[in-house]
Amino acid sequence: MYDVARQGRWDPPTQPSAASNPLEETGRMPVVAPHLWGSPDPVPAPPVRRGGPDYEGIRQSREFVSLRRRLRAFAFPMSFVFFAWYMTYVLLAAYAHDFMSRKVFGQVNVGMALGIGQFVSTALITWLYLRYARRHLDPRVAELRERAGTPAGGAR
């Protein structure tokens, strides 16, 4: 191996000295993440915070349970509706060739229109979720964070 950064683009490679490049000394790449490979000097664990928020207590609180219920009340039905709509499109594309190939206008057929509808419905669901979260979830999350004494930015 040679150091291409120190040479010109079209210069032929020269032999660098072994002392200038640690890869040349061993012929192996250095370990990038020693803690993942069981090196003798593992990375120390971060210190345990004392006096921080009681996350277990928060998780079991009535407010948190209510917040999770509100999230699920939106996410599960919307996921089911989108999955049913997507599977309908896939099944129609696979088995209803005559229906999907009917012209709607010009060269656009039903299959193309429904395919574009998939993108539109994805954007619509995203917009609806953002609106729902802004109105129903975010204020409650802010209350829980304030009560727990954690910063609003998410740095825990």
N, C-alpha and C. Protein backbone atom coordinates (compact mmCIF):
# COMPACT_ATOMS: atom_id res chain seq x y z
N MET A 1 0.84 -1.18 0.00
CA MET A 1 0.00 0.00 0.00
C MET A 1 0.88 1.24 0.00
N TYR A 2 0.36 2.29 -0.56
CA TYR A 2 1.11 3.54 -0.56
C TYR A 2 0.14 4.67 -0.33
N ASP A 3 0.69 5.79 0.07
CA ASP A 3 -0.12 6.94 0.43
C ASP A 3 -0.41 7.75 -0.82
N VAL A 4 -1.62 7.62 -1.37
CA VAL A 4 -1.96 8.33 -2.60
C VAL A 4 -2.20 9.81 -2.34
N ALA A 5 -2.51 10.18 -1.13
CA ALA A 5 -2.77 11.58 -0.84
C ALA A 5 -1.51 12.42 -0.94
N ARG A 6 -0.34 11.84 -0.72
CA ARG A 6 0.91 12.59 -0.74
C ARG A 6 1.55 12.61 -2.13
N GLN A 7 1.05 11.81 -3.02
CA GLN A 7 1.63 11.75 -4.36
C GLN A 7 0.71 12.45 -5.35
N GLY A 8 1.26 12.84 -6.47
CA GLY A 8 0.46 13.42 -7.54
C GLY A 8 -0.47 12.37 -8.11
N ARG A 9 -1.49 12.80 -8.82
CA ARG A 9 -2.49 11.87 -9.33
C ARG A 9 -1.88 10.85 -10.27
N TRP A 10 -0.97 11.25 -11.13
CA TRP A 10 -0.43 10.34 -12.15
C TRP A 10 0.97 9.84 -11.82
N ASP A 11 1.45 10.16 -10.62
CA ASP A 11 2.79 9.69 -10.26
C ASP A 11 2.77 8.18 -10.00
N PRO A 12 3.79 7.47 -10.43
CA PRO A 12 3.83 6.04 -10.11
C PRO A 12 4.05 5.86 -8.62
N PRO A 13 3.56 4.78 -8.05
CA PRO A 13 3.72 4.58 -6.61
C PRO A 13 5.17 4.38 -6.23
N THR A 14 5.51 4.94 -5.09
CA THR A 14 6.84 4.75 -4.54
C THR A 14 6.70 3.96 -3.26
N GLN A 15 7.74 3.36 -2.79
CA GLN A 15 7.71 2.61 -1.55
C GLN A 15 7.87 3.55 -0.38
N PRO A 16 6.83 3.79 0.43
CA PRO A 16 7.02 4.61 1.62
C PRO A 16 7.72 3.79 2.69
N SER A 17 8.32 4.50 3.60
CA SER A 17 9.00 3.79 4.68
C SER A 17 7.96 3.18 5.61
N ALA A 18 8.29 2.07 6.24
CA ALA A 18 7.35 1.37 7.11
C ALA A 18 6.96 2.22 8.30
N ALA A 19 7.84 3.09 8.74
CA ALA A 19 7.54 3.91 9.92
C ALA A 19 6.52 5.00 9.60
N SER A 20 6.35 5.38 8.31
CA SER A 20 5.44 6.47 7.98
C SER A 20 3.99 6.02 7.88
N ASN A 21 3.73 4.73 7.79
CA ASN A 21 2.38 4.26 7.58
C ASN A 21 2.13 3.05 8.48
N PRO A 22 1.22 3.16 9.45
CA PRO A 22 1.00 2.05 10.37
C PRO A 22 0.46 0.80 9.68
N LEU A 23 -0.16 0.95 8.52
CA LEU A 23 -0.67 -0.23 7.82
C LEU A 23 0.47 -1.06 7.24
N GLU A 24 1.57 -0.41 6.92
CA GLU A 24 2.70 -1.12 6.35
C GLU A 24 3.44 -1.94 7.40
N GLU A 25 3.34 -1.52 8.66
CA GLU A 25 4.07 -2.22 9.71
C GLU A 25 3.52 -3.63 9.94
N THR A 26 2.20 -3.76 9.95
CA THR A 26 1.60 -5.06 10.27
C THR A 26 0.99 -5.73 9.07
N GLY A 27 0.68 -4.97 8.04
CA GLY A 27 -0.01 -5.53 6.90
C GLY A 27 -1.50 -5.70 7.15
N ARG A 28 -2.00 -5.22 8.29
CA ARG A 28 -3.41 -5.32 8.64
C ARG A 28 -3.95 -3.94 8.93
N MET A 29 -5.24 -3.77 8.70
CA MET A 29 -5.88 -2.51 9.05
C MET A 29 -6.06 -2.43 10.55
N PRO A 30 -5.95 -1.24 11.13
CA PRO A 30 -6.19 -1.12 12.56
C PRO A 30 -7.67 -1.36 12.87
N VAL A 31 -7.97 -1.79 14.08
CA VAL A 31 -9.35 -2.03 14.49
C VAL A 31 -10.04 -0.69 14.65
N VAL A 32 -11.17 -0.51 13.95
CA VAL A 32 -11.88 0.76 13.97
C VAL A 32 -12.74 0.88 15.22
N ALA A 33 -13.43 -0.19 15.58
CA ALA A 33 -14.31 -0.17 16.74
C ALA A 33 -13.89 -1.29 17.68
N PRO A 34 -12.86 -1.05 18.50
CA PRO A 34 -12.35 -2.14 19.33
C PRO A 34 -13.36 -2.70 20.32
N HIS A 35 -14.30 -1.87 20.79
CA HIS A 35 -15.28 -2.35 21.76
C HIS A 35 -16.23 -3.38 21.17
N LEU A 36 -16.36 -3.40 19.84
CA LEU A 36 -17.25 -4.38 19.21
C LEU A 36 -16.58 -5.73 19.02
N TRP A 37 -15.28 -5.77 19.06
CA TRP A 37 -14.56 -7.00 18.76
C TRP A 37 -13.88 -7.59 19.99
N GLY A 38 -14.25 -7.15 21.17
CA GLY A 38 -13.72 -7.74 22.40
C GLY A 38 -12.26 -7.42 22.63
N SER A 39 -11.87 -6.19 22.36
CA SER A 39 -10.47 -5.82 22.58
C SER A 39 -10.19 -5.80 24.08
N PRO A 40 -8.94 -5.91 24.49
CA PRO A 40 -8.62 -5.92 25.91
C PRO A 40 -8.95 -4.61 26.61
N ASP A 41 -9.08 -3.52 25.85
CA ASP A 41 -9.40 -2.21 26.44
C ASP A 41 -10.77 -1.77 25.96
N PRO A 42 -11.86 -2.32 26.50
CA PRO A 42 -13.18 -1.93 26.03
C PRO A 42 -13.50 -0.49 26.39
N VAL A 43 -14.38 0.09 25.63
CA VAL A 43 -14.82 1.45 25.89
C VAL A 43 -15.65 1.44 27.16
N PRO A 44 -15.34 2.31 28.11
CA PRO A 44 -16.09 2.29 29.37
C PRO A 44 -17.55 2.69 29.15
N ALA A 45 -18.43 2.11 29.96
CA ALA A 45 -19.85 2.44 29.89
C ALA A 45 -20.06 3.86 30.38
N PRO A 46 -21.05 4.55 29.85
CA PRO A 46 -21.32 5.91 30.34
C PRO A 46 -21.75 5.86 31.80
N PRO A 47 -21.45 6.91 32.52
CA PRO A 47 -21.81 6.91 33.94
C PRO A 47 -23.33 6.90 34.13
N VAL A 48 -23.78 6.26 35.19
CA VAL A 48 -25.20 6.19 35.50
C VAL A 48 -25.63 7.53 36.10
N ARG A 49 -26.71 8.08 35.54
CA ARG A 49 -27.21 9.35 36.06
C ARG A 49 -27.97 9.12 37.35
N ARG A 50 -27.62 9.87 38.34
CA ARG A 50 -28.32 9.81 39.62
C ARG A 50 -29.29 10.98 39.70
N GLY A 51 -30.47 10.73 40.17
CA GLY A 51 -31.42 11.81 40.36
C GLY A 51 -32.09 12.26 39.08
N GLY A 52 -31.99 11.48 38.00
CA GLY A 52 -32.65 11.82 36.75
C GLY A 52 -34.11 11.43 36.78
N PRO A 53 -34.77 11.56 35.66
CA PRO A 53 -36.19 11.21 35.59
C PRO A 53 -36.42 9.74 35.91
N ASP A 54 -37.53 9.45 36.51
CA ASP A 54 -37.93 8.09 36.82
C ASP A 54 -38.69 7.55 35.60
N TYR A 55 -37.95 6.98 34.65
CA TYR A 55 -38.56 6.54 33.40
C TYR A 55 -39.57 5.42 33.62
N GLU A 56 -39.31 4.54 34.55
CA GLU A 56 -40.26 3.46 34.83
C GLU A 56 -41.55 4.03 35.40
N GLY A 57 -41.42 5.00 36.28
CA GLY A 57 -42.61 5.65 36.84
C GLY A 57 -43.40 6.40 35.78
N ILE A 58 -42.67 7.05 34.87
CA ILE A 58 -43.34 7.77 33.78
C ILE A 58 -44.09 6.79 32.90
N ARG A 59 -43.43 5.68 32.58
CA ARG A 59 -44.04 4.69 31.68
C ARG A 59 -45.32 4.11 32.28
N GLN A 60 -45.39 4.01 33.58
CA GLN A 60 -46.56 3.44 34.23
C GLN A 60 -47.60 4.48 34.62
N SER A 61 -47.30 5.76 34.38
CA SER A 61 -48.23 6.80 34.79
C SER A 61 -49.48 6.80 33.89
N ARG A 62 -50.56 7.32 34.44
CA ARG A 62 -51.83 7.39 33.73
C ARG A 62 -51.70 8.28 32.48
N GLU A 63 -50.95 9.37 32.58
CA GLU A 63 -50.80 10.28 31.45
C GLU A 63 -50.07 9.62 30.28
N PHE A 64 -49.01 8.87 30.61
CA PHE A 64 -48.24 8.20 29.55
C PHE A 64 -49.07 7.11 28.88
N VAL A 65 -49.81 6.36 29.69
CA VAL A 65 -50.68 5.31 29.13
C VAL A 65 -51.72 5.94 28.22
N SER A 66 -52.27 7.07 28.63
CA SER A 66 -53.25 7.78 27.80
C SER A 66 -52.60 8.28 26.49
N LEU A 67 -51.37 8.76 26.59
CA LEU A 67 -50.65 9.23 25.40
C LEU A 67 -50.43 8.09 24.41
N ARG A 68 -50.01 6.94 24.93
CA ARG A 68 -49.80 5.76 24.06
C ARG A 68 -51.11 5.32 23.41
N ARG A 69 -52.20 5.38 24.18
CA ARG A 69 -53.50 4.99 23.64
C ARG A 69 -53.92 5.93 22.51
N ARG A 70 -53.67 7.23 22.68
CA ARG A 70 -53.99 8.19 21.62
C ARG A 70 -53.17 7.93 20.36
N LEU A 71 -51.89 7.62 20.54
CA LEU A 71 -51.04 7.32 19.39
C LEU A 71 -51.55 6.08 18.66
N ARG A 72 -51.85 5.04 19.42
CA ARG A 72 -52.35 3.80 18.81
C ARG A 72 -53.71 3.99 18.15
N ALA A 73 -54.54 4.88 18.71
CA ALA A 73 -55.86 5.13 18.14
C ALA A 73 -55.75 5.71 16.73
N PHE A 74 -54.67 6.39 16.45
CA PHE A 74 -54.45 6.90 15.09
C PHE A 74 -53.66 5.92 14.25
N ALA A 75 -52.56 5.42 14.79
CA ALA A 75 -51.61 4.65 13.99
C ALA A 75 -52.18 3.31 13.52
N PHE A 76 -52.82 2.56 14.38
CA PHE A 76 -53.29 1.23 14.00
C PHE A 76 -54.39 1.28 12.94
N PRO A 77 -55.47 2.05 13.13
CA PRO A 77 -56.48 2.09 12.07
C PRO A 77 -55.94 2.63 10.75
N MET A 78 -55.10 3.67 10.82
CA MET A 78 -54.56 4.25 9.58
C MET A 78 -53.64 3.25 8.89
N SER A 79 -52.85 2.52 9.65
CA SER A 79 -51.99 1.49 9.05
C SER A 79 -52.81 0.40 8.40
N PHE A 80 -53.88 -0.02 9.07
CA PHE A 80 -54.75 -1.05 8.50
C PHE A 80 -55.39 -0.57 7.20
N VAL A 81 -55.91 0.65 7.20
CA VAL A 81 -56.54 1.20 6.00
C VAL A 81 -55.54 1.28 4.86
N PHE A 82 -54.33 1.77 5.14
CA PHE A 82 -53.34 1.89 4.07
C PHE A 82 -52.91 0.52 3.57
N PHE A 83 -52.73 -0.45 4.46
CA PHE A 83 -52.33 -1.79 4.03
C PHE A 83 -53.42 -2.43 3.17
N ALA A 84 -54.69 -2.26 3.56
CA ALA A 84 -55.79 -2.79 2.76
C ALA A 84 -55.83 -2.14 1.38
N TRP A 85 -55.64 -0.84 1.33
CA TRP A 85 -55.62 -0.11 0.06
C TRP A 85 -54.46 -0.58 -0.81
N TYR A 86 -53.29 -0.76 -0.22
CA TYR A 86 -52.12 -1.21 -0.97
C TYR A 86 -52.32 -2.64 -1.50
N MET A 87 -52.83 -3.52 -0.64
CA MET A 87 -53.05 -4.91 -1.09
C MET A 87 -54.12 -4.98 -2.16
N THR A 88 -55.13 -4.14 -2.09
CA THR A 88 -56.13 -4.08 -3.15
C THR A 88 -55.47 -3.71 -4.46
N TYR A 89 -54.60 -2.72 -4.44
CA TYR A 89 -53.89 -2.30 -5.65
C TYR A 89 -53.03 -3.45 -6.19
N VAL A 90 -52.29 -4.12 -5.32
CA VAL A 90 -51.42 -5.22 -5.76
C VAL A 90 -52.25 -6.36 -6.35
N LEU A 91 -53.33 -6.72 -5.68
CA LEU A 91 -54.17 -7.82 -6.18
C LEU A 91 -54.85 -7.46 -7.49
N LEU A 92 -55.30 -6.24 -7.62
CA LEU A 92 -55.89 -5.80 -8.90
C LEU A 92 -54.84 -5.85 -10.01
N ALA A 93 -53.63 -5.40 -9.69
CA ALA A 93 -52.57 -5.42 -10.70
C ALA A 93 -52.22 -6.85 -11.10
N ALA A 94 -52.32 -7.78 -10.18
CA ALA A 94 -51.94 -9.16 -10.46
C ALA A 94 -53.05 -9.95 -11.16
N TYR A 95 -54.31 -9.68 -10.81
CA TYR A 95 -55.38 -10.54 -11.30
C TYR A 95 -56.45 -9.85 -12.14
N ALA A 96 -56.53 -8.54 -12.15
CA ALA A 96 -57.58 -7.84 -12.91
C ALA A 96 -56.95 -7.02 -14.04
N HIS A 97 -56.31 -7.72 -14.96
CA HIS A 97 -55.60 -7.02 -16.04
C HIS A 97 -56.54 -6.19 -16.91
N ASP A 98 -57.72 -6.73 -17.21
CA ASP A 98 -58.65 -5.99 -18.07
C ASP A 98 -59.10 -4.69 -17.40
N PHE A 99 -59.41 -4.78 -16.10
CA PHE A 99 -59.84 -3.58 -15.38
C PHE A 99 -58.71 -2.56 -15.29
N MET A 100 -57.52 -3.01 -14.93
CA MET A 100 -56.39 -2.09 -14.74
C MET A 100 -55.92 -1.45 -16.04
N SER A 101 -56.21 -2.09 -17.19
CA SER A 101 -55.74 -1.55 -18.46
C SER A 101 -56.77 -0.64 -19.14
N ARG A 102 -57.92 -0.43 -18.52
CA ARG A 102 -58.92 0.49 -19.09
C ARG A 102 -58.37 1.91 -19.10
N LYS A 103 -58.57 2.57 -20.20
CA LYS A 103 -58.10 3.96 -20.34
C LYS A 103 -59.00 4.90 -19.55
N VAL A 104 -58.38 5.79 -18.81
CA VAL A 104 -59.12 6.81 -18.07
C VAL A 104 -59.19 8.07 -18.91
N PHE A 105 -58.04 8.52 -19.41
CA PHE A 105 -57.96 9.62 -20.37
C PHE A 105 -56.61 9.54 -21.05
N GLY A 106 -56.57 9.82 -22.32
CA GLY A 106 -55.32 9.76 -23.08
C GLY A 106 -54.68 8.38 -22.96
N GLN A 107 -53.42 8.34 -22.60
CA GLN A 107 -52.69 7.08 -22.43
C GLN A 107 -52.67 6.61 -20.98
N VAL A 108 -53.37 7.32 -20.10
CA VAL A 108 -53.40 6.97 -18.67
C VAL A 108 -54.50 5.95 -18.43
N ASN A 109 -54.12 4.80 -17.85
CA ASN A 109 -55.11 3.77 -17.55
C ASN A 109 -55.39 3.72 -16.05
N VAL A 110 -56.31 2.83 -15.65
CA VAL A 110 -56.71 2.73 -14.25
C VAL A 110 -55.52 2.35 -13.38
N GLY A 111 -54.66 1.44 -13.86
CA GLY A 111 -53.49 1.02 -13.08
C GLY A 111 -52.56 2.18 -12.77
N MET A 112 -52.32 3.03 -13.76
CA MET A 112 -51.46 4.21 -13.53
C MET A 112 -52.11 5.17 -12.53
N ALA A 113 -53.40 5.38 -12.68
CA ALA A 113 -54.10 6.30 -11.79
C ALA A 113 -54.07 5.77 -10.35
N LEU A 114 -54.31 4.47 -10.18
CA LEU A 114 -54.26 3.91 -8.83
C LEU A 114 -52.83 3.90 -8.27
N GLY A 115 -51.84 3.69 -9.13
CA GLY A 115 -50.44 3.74 -8.69
C GLY A 115 -50.06 5.13 -8.20
N ILE A 116 -50.48 6.14 -8.92
CA ILE A 116 -50.23 7.52 -8.46
C ILE A 116 -51.02 7.78 -7.18
N GLY A 117 -52.20 7.17 -7.09
CA GLY A 117 -52.99 7.29 -5.86
C GLY A 117 -52.27 6.75 -4.64
N GLN A 118 -51.41 5.75 -4.83
CA GLN A 118 -50.61 5.24 -3.72
C GLN A 118 -49.70 6.33 -3.16
N PHE A 119 -49.04 7.06 -4.05
CA PHE A 119 -48.15 8.14 -3.60
C PHE A 119 -48.95 9.25 -2.93
N VAL A 120 -50.08 9.59 -3.52
CA VAL A 120 -50.92 10.65 -2.96
C VAL A 120 -51.43 10.25 -1.57
N SER A 121 -51.87 9.00 -1.44
CA SER A 121 -52.39 8.56 -0.14
C SER A 121 -51.29 8.51 0.91
N THR A 122 -50.07 8.17 0.53
CA THR A 122 -48.95 8.19 1.47
C THR A 122 -48.69 9.60 1.98
N ALA A 123 -48.67 10.56 1.07
CA ALA A 123 -48.47 11.96 1.47
C ALA A 123 -49.63 12.44 2.33
N LEU A 124 -50.84 12.04 2.01
CA LEU A 124 -52.01 12.44 2.78
C LEU A 124 -51.96 11.87 4.20
N ILE A 125 -51.60 10.60 4.33
CA ILE A 125 -51.50 9.99 5.65
C ILE A 125 -50.41 10.67 6.48
N THR A 126 -49.29 11.00 5.84
CA THR A 126 -48.22 11.71 6.55
C THR A 126 -48.71 13.06 7.06
N TRP A 127 -49.40 13.79 6.21
CA TRP A 127 -49.93 15.10 6.60
C TRP A 127 -50.94 14.95 7.74
N LEU A 128 -51.83 13.96 7.63
CA LEU A 128 -52.82 13.74 8.69
C LEU A 128 -52.16 13.39 10.02
N TYR A 129 -51.11 12.55 9.96
CA TYR A 129 -50.42 12.20 11.19
C TYR A 129 -49.74 13.42 11.81
N LEU A 130 -49.07 14.23 11.01
CA LEU A 130 -48.42 15.42 11.55
C LEU A 130 -49.43 16.36 12.20
N ARG A 131 -50.57 16.51 11.56
CA ARG A 131 -51.62 17.36 12.11
C ARG A 131 -52.16 16.78 13.42
N TYR A 132 -52.40 15.48 13.43
CA TYR A 132 -52.89 14.80 14.63
C TYR A 132 -51.88 14.92 15.78
N ALA A 133 -50.62 14.66 15.46
CA ALA A 133 -49.58 14.72 16.50
C ALA A 133 -49.44 16.13 17.05
N ARG A 134 -49.48 17.12 16.18
CA ARG A 134 -49.34 18.51 16.62
C ARG A 134 -50.47 18.90 17.57
N ARG A 135 -51.68 18.42 17.29
CA ARG A 135 -52.84 18.81 18.09
C ARG A 135 -53.04 17.95 19.34
N HIS A 136 -52.81 16.64 19.23
CA HIS A 136 -53.20 15.74 20.30
C HIS A 136 -52.04 15.11 21.06
N LEU A 137 -50.89 14.94 20.43
CA LEU A 137 -49.78 14.23 21.08
C LEU A 137 -48.72 15.18 21.62
N ASP A 138 -48.28 16.12 20.82
CA ASP A 138 -47.17 16.99 21.22
C ASP A 138 -47.44 17.78 22.50
N PRO A 139 -48.64 18.35 22.71
CA PRO A 139 -48.87 19.06 23.97
C PRO A 139 -48.75 18.14 25.19
N ARG A 140 -49.22 16.92 25.07
CA ARG A 140 -49.12 15.97 26.19
C ARG A 140 -47.68 15.53 26.42
N VAL A 141 -46.93 15.35 25.34
CA VAL A 141 -45.51 15.00 25.48
C VAL A 141 -44.78 16.13 26.19
N ALA A 142 -45.08 17.38 25.83
CA ALA A 142 -44.44 18.52 26.48
C ALA A 142 -44.76 18.55 27.98
N GLU A 143 -46.01 18.25 28.33
CA GLU A 143 -46.38 18.19 29.75
C GLU A 143 -45.60 17.11 30.49
N LEU A 144 -45.52 15.94 29.89
CA LEU A 144 -44.78 14.85 30.53
C LEU A 144 -43.31 15.20 30.70
N ARG A 145 -42.71 15.79 29.69
CA ARG A 145 -41.31 16.19 29.78
C ARG A 145 -41.10 17.23 30.87
N GLU A 146 -42.01 18.19 30.92
CA GLU A 146 -41.87 19.24 31.93
C GLU A 146 -41.98 18.66 33.34
N ARG A 147 -42.94 17.75 33.52
CA ARG A 147 -43.10 17.11 34.82
C ARG A 147 -41.92 16.25 35.20
N ALA A 148 -41.33 15.61 34.19
CA ALA A 148 -40.19 14.72 34.44
C ALA A 148 -38.89 15.49 34.59
N GLY A 149 -38.87 16.73 34.13
CA GLY A 149 -37.66 17.54 34.24
C GLY A 149 -36.64 17.25 33.16
N THR A 150 -37.10 16.74 32.00
CA THR A 150 -36.19 16.51 30.89
C THR A 150 -36.29 17.67 29.92
N PRO A 151 -35.20 17.98 29.22
CA PRO A 151 -35.24 19.10 28.27
C PRO A 151 -36.18 18.79 27.10
N ALA A 152 -36.78 19.81 26.54
CA ALA A 152 -37.72 19.64 25.43
C ALA A 152 -37.04 19.22 24.16
N GLY A 153 -35.74 19.48 24.00
CA GLY A 153 -35.03 19.14 22.78
C GLY A 153 -34.76 17.66 22.64
N GLY A 154 -34.93 16.88 23.67
CA GLY A 154 -34.74 15.45 23.58
C GLY A 154 -33.41 14.96 24.14
N ALA A 155 -32.51 15.88 24.56
CA ALA A 155 -31.23 15.43 25.12
C ALA A 155 -31.50 14.88 26.51
N ARG A 156 -31.27 13.60 26.67
CA ARG A 156 -31.63 12.96 27.94
C ARG A 156 -30.42 12.68 28.75
